[in-house]
Amino acid sequence: MAWSVILPGWFNRSSCADELMQQFQQSGQLQWLDKLIMQCGDDLYHFLLRQADAQLAADICQQCWLKVLENRHSYRAESRFKTW
């Protein structure tokens, strides 16, 4: 299998998330948030799972996405979405 086929998509995941967040911020359309959750949701959950049990990780993950929904207006594209 050629690594050149796999790696570009892996390295571009964060820039894709940045673009999805910008689309969501500008339009407010939930389809962009859905795509963002599909893109980053597992990473967020697994990050939290390393620090808490499964139920708490799921609860915090859900709270994080609610905060994204509520505070989309405060997102600045000056840094990566994942750091916001």
N, C-alpha and C. Protein backbone atom coordinates (compact mmCIF):
# COMPACT_ATOMS: atom_id res chain seq x y z
N MET A 1 0.85 -1.18 0.00
CA MET A 1 0.00 0.00 0.00
C MET A 1 0.89 1.24 0.00
N ALA A 2 0.55 2.19 -0.80
CA ALA A 2 1.35 3.40 -0.91
C ALA A 2 1.00 4.37 0.22
N TRP A 3 2.01 4.78 0.96
CA TRP A 3 1.80 5.72 2.06
C TRP A 3 1.37 7.09 1.55
N SER A 4 1.76 7.40 0.33
CA SER A 4 1.39 8.71 -0.22
C SER A 4 -0.11 8.85 -0.40
N VAL A 5 -0.81 7.73 -0.46
CA VAL A 5 -2.27 7.76 -0.59
C VAL A 5 -2.92 7.98 0.77
N ILE A 6 -2.37 7.38 1.81
CA ILE A 6 -2.96 7.43 3.14
C ILE A 6 -2.59 8.70 3.90
N LEU A 7 -1.33 9.06 3.90
CA LEU A 7 -0.85 10.14 4.75
C LEU A 7 -1.42 11.52 4.45
N PRO A 8 -1.60 11.93 3.20
CA PRO A 8 -2.13 13.29 2.99
C PRO A 8 -3.46 13.53 3.68
N GLY A 9 -4.37 12.58 3.65
CA GLY A 9 -5.65 12.74 4.32
C GLY A 9 -5.50 12.81 5.82
N TRP A 10 -4.57 12.04 6.36
CA TRP A 10 -4.35 12.04 7.80
C TRP A 10 -3.79 13.38 8.26
N PHE A 11 -2.83 13.92 7.52
CA PHE A 11 -2.23 15.19 7.90
C PHE A 11 -3.19 16.36 7.71
N ASN A 12 -4.14 16.26 6.81
CA ASN A 12 -5.05 17.36 6.52
C ASN A 12 -6.31 17.34 7.37
N ARG A 13 -6.43 16.42 8.31
CA ARG A 13 -7.66 16.32 9.11
C ARG A 13 -7.92 17.60 9.88
N SER A 14 -6.88 18.20 10.47
CA SER A 14 -7.13 19.40 11.27
C SER A 14 -7.51 20.58 10.40
N SER A 15 -6.91 20.71 9.22
CA SER A 15 -7.29 21.82 8.35
C SER A 15 -8.71 21.65 7.86
N CYS A 16 -9.14 20.42 7.65
CA CYS A 16 -10.52 20.16 7.26
C CYS A 16 -11.45 20.55 8.41
N ALA A 17 -11.09 20.23 9.63
CA ALA A 17 -11.89 20.61 10.79
C ALA A 17 -11.97 22.13 10.91
N ASP A 18 -10.87 22.80 10.63
CA ASP A 18 -10.86 24.26 10.67
C ASP A 18 -11.85 24.83 9.66
N GLU A 19 -11.85 24.26 8.47
CA GLU A 19 -12.77 24.73 7.43
C GLU A 19 -14.22 24.44 7.80
N LEU A 20 -14.47 23.28 8.37
CA LEU A 20 -15.83 22.94 8.79
C LEU A 20 -16.32 23.90 9.88
N MET A 21 -15.43 24.22 10.82
CA MET A 21 -15.82 25.15 11.88
C MET A 21 -16.09 26.53 11.32
N GLN A 22 -15.30 26.97 10.37
CA GLN A 22 -15.54 28.27 9.75
C GLN A 22 -16.89 28.29 9.04
N GLN A 23 -17.20 27.20 8.35
CA GLN A 23 -18.50 27.11 7.67
C GLN A 23 -19.64 27.17 8.69
N PHE A 24 -19.49 26.44 9.79
CA PHE A 24 -20.52 26.45 10.82
C PHE A 24 -20.64 27.82 11.46
N GLN A 25 -19.51 28.45 11.74
CA GLN A 25 -19.53 29.77 12.36
C GLN A 25 -20.24 30.78 11.48
N GLN A 26 -19.94 30.76 10.21
CA GLN A 26 -20.51 31.75 9.29
C GLN A 26 -21.98 31.51 8.99
N SER A 27 -22.36 30.25 8.84
CA SER A 27 -23.73 29.95 8.40
C SER A 27 -24.68 29.61 9.55
N GLY A 28 -24.14 29.01 10.61
CA GLY A 28 -24.99 28.54 11.69
C GLY A 28 -25.77 27.28 11.35
N GLN A 29 -25.51 26.72 10.18
CA GLN A 29 -26.23 25.52 9.74
C GLN A 29 -25.67 24.29 10.46
N LEU A 30 -26.57 23.51 11.03
CA LEU A 30 -26.16 22.36 11.83
C LEU A 30 -25.50 21.26 11.01
N GLN A 31 -25.68 21.25 9.70
CA GLN A 31 -25.02 20.24 8.88
C GLN A 31 -23.50 20.35 9.02
N TRP A 32 -22.98 21.57 9.18
CA TRP A 32 -21.54 21.75 9.33
C TRP A 32 -21.07 21.27 10.69
N LEU A 33 -21.89 21.48 11.71
CA LEU A 33 -21.55 20.97 13.04
C LEU A 33 -21.58 19.45 13.04
N ASP A 34 -22.56 18.86 12.37
CA ASP A 34 -22.62 17.40 12.27
C ASP A 34 -21.35 16.84 11.63
N LYS A 35 -20.91 17.47 10.56
CA LYS A 35 -19.69 17.01 9.88
C LYS A 35 -18.47 17.19 10.78
N LEU A 36 -18.45 18.28 11.53
CA LEU A 36 -17.35 18.54 12.45
C LEU A 36 -17.31 17.48 13.55
N ILE A 37 -18.47 17.12 14.06
CA ILE A 37 -18.54 16.08 15.09
C ILE A 37 -18.09 14.74 14.52
N MET A 38 -18.50 14.44 13.30
CA MET A 38 -18.06 13.20 12.66
C MET A 38 -16.54 13.19 12.47
N GLN A 39 -15.98 14.34 12.18
CA GLN A 39 -14.54 14.46 11.93
C GLN A 39 -13.73 14.37 13.23
N CYS A 40 -14.18 15.04 14.28
CA CYS A 40 -13.37 15.19 15.49
C CYS A 40 -13.92 14.50 16.73
N GLY A 41 -15.13 14.00 16.66
CA GLY A 41 -15.77 13.44 17.84
C GLY A 41 -15.03 12.29 18.48
N ASP A 42 -14.55 11.37 17.67
CA ASP A 42 -13.83 10.21 18.22
C ASP A 42 -12.52 10.64 18.88
N ASP A 43 -11.81 11.58 18.27
CA ASP A 43 -10.56 12.06 18.86
C ASP A 43 -10.82 12.69 20.22
N LEU A 44 -11.85 13.52 20.30
CA LEU A 44 -12.18 14.16 21.57
C LEU A 44 -12.56 13.12 22.62
N TYR A 45 -13.41 12.18 22.25
CA TYR A 45 -13.84 11.15 23.19
C TYR A 45 -12.66 10.32 23.69
N HIS A 46 -11.78 9.90 22.80
CA HIS A 46 -10.64 9.08 23.22
C HIS A 46 -9.65 9.87 24.07
N PHE A 47 -9.51 11.16 23.79
CA PHE A 47 -8.69 12.01 24.65
C PHE A 47 -9.27 12.03 26.07
N LEU A 48 -10.56 12.23 26.17
CA LEU A 48 -11.22 12.27 27.47
C LEU A 48 -11.23 10.91 28.16
N LEU A 49 -11.34 9.85 27.39
CA LEU A 49 -11.36 8.50 27.94
C LEU A 49 -10.05 8.14 28.62
N ARG A 50 -8.96 8.74 28.19
CA ARG A 50 -7.67 8.50 28.85
C ARG A 50 -7.62 9.13 30.24
N GLN A 51 -8.56 10.04 30.51
CA GLN A 51 -8.53 10.77 31.77
C GLN A 51 -9.72 10.46 32.68
N ALA A 52 -10.72 9.75 32.16
CA ALA A 52 -11.93 9.49 32.94
C ALA A 52 -12.55 8.17 32.49
N ASP A 53 -13.57 7.73 33.22
CA ASP A 53 -14.27 6.52 32.80
C ASP A 53 -15.15 6.83 31.59
N ALA A 54 -15.70 5.80 30.99
CA ALA A 54 -16.42 5.94 29.72
C ALA A 54 -17.64 6.86 29.85
N GLN A 55 -18.40 6.73 30.92
CA GLN A 55 -19.61 7.56 31.08
C GLN A 55 -19.26 9.03 31.25
N LEU A 56 -18.27 9.31 32.07
CA LEU A 56 -17.86 10.69 32.28
C LEU A 56 -17.27 11.28 31.00
N ALA A 57 -16.48 10.49 30.29
CA ALA A 57 -15.91 10.96 29.02
C ALA A 57 -17.01 11.30 28.02
N ALA A 58 -18.03 10.46 27.95
CA ALA A 58 -19.15 10.73 27.04
C ALA A 58 -19.91 11.99 27.45
N ASP A 59 -20.12 12.17 28.74
CA ASP A 59 -20.82 13.37 29.23
C ASP A 59 -20.03 14.64 28.93
N ILE A 60 -18.75 14.62 29.19
CA ILE A 60 -17.91 15.79 28.93
C ILE A 60 -17.84 16.08 27.44
N CYS A 61 -17.74 15.03 26.66
CA CYS A 61 -17.71 15.18 25.20
C CYS A 61 -18.98 15.89 24.72
N GLN A 62 -20.12 15.45 25.22
CA GLN A 62 -21.39 16.08 24.84
C GLN A 62 -21.42 17.54 25.28
N GLN A 63 -20.93 17.83 26.46
CA GLN A 63 -20.89 19.21 26.94
C GLN A 63 -19.99 20.07 26.06
N CYS A 64 -18.88 19.50 25.62
CA CYS A 64 -17.97 20.24 24.73
C CYS A 64 -18.66 20.63 23.44
N TRP A 65 -19.40 19.69 22.84
CA TRP A 65 -20.09 19.99 21.58
C TRP A 65 -21.21 21.00 21.80
N LEU A 66 -21.86 20.97 22.94
CA LEU A 66 -22.86 21.99 23.24
C LEU A 66 -22.22 23.37 23.35
N LYS A 67 -21.03 23.43 23.93
CA LYS A 67 -20.30 24.70 24.02
C LYS A 67 -19.91 25.21 22.64
N VAL A 68 -19.52 24.31 21.76
CA VAL A 68 -19.21 24.71 20.38
C VAL A 68 -20.46 25.31 19.74
N LEU A 69 -21.59 24.67 19.94
CA LEU A 69 -22.86 25.15 19.40
C LEU A 69 -23.21 26.53 19.96
N GLU A 70 -23.07 26.69 21.26
CA GLU A 70 -23.46 27.94 21.92
C GLU A 70 -22.48 29.09 21.64
N ASN A 71 -21.22 28.78 21.44
CA ASN A 71 -20.19 29.82 21.35
C ASN A 71 -19.51 29.92 20.00
N ARG A 72 -20.18 29.49 18.96
CA ARG A 72 -19.57 29.51 17.63
C ARG A 72 -19.12 30.91 17.23
N HIS A 73 -19.82 31.92 17.71
CA HIS A 73 -19.48 33.30 17.36
C HIS A 73 -18.11 33.73 17.89
N SER A 74 -17.61 33.06 18.93
CA SER A 74 -16.33 33.46 19.51
C SER A 74 -15.13 32.75 18.88
N TYR A 75 -15.38 31.83 17.96
CA TYR A 75 -14.27 31.13 17.30
C TYR A 75 -13.49 32.09 16.41
N ARG A 76 -12.19 32.05 16.51
CA ARG A 76 -11.30 32.83 15.66
C ARG A 76 -10.42 31.86 14.90
N ALA A 77 -10.35 32.02 13.62
CA ALA A 77 -9.59 31.10 12.77
C ALA A 77 -8.09 31.36 12.83
N GLU A 78 -7.63 32.06 13.84
CA GLU A 78 -6.21 32.36 13.99
C GLU A 78 -5.42 31.14 14.45
N SER A 79 -6.11 30.18 15.04
CA SER A 79 -5.46 28.95 15.49
C SER A 79 -6.33 27.77 15.10
N ARG A 80 -5.84 26.59 15.33
CA ARG A 80 -6.56 25.37 14.97
C ARG A 80 -7.83 25.21 15.80
N PHE A 81 -8.82 24.59 15.17
CA PHE A 81 -10.08 24.32 15.86
C PHE A 81 -9.84 23.48 17.11
N LYS A 82 -9.00 22.48 17.00
CA LYS A 82 -8.78 21.57 18.14
C LYS A 82 -8.19 22.28 19.35
N THR A 83 -7.48 23.37 19.14
CA THR A 83 -6.94 24.11 20.29
C THR A 83 -7.96 25.07 20.87
N TRP A 84 -8.99 25.39 20.12
CA TRP A 84 -10.03 26.28 20.60
C TRP A 84 -10.90 25.54 21.57
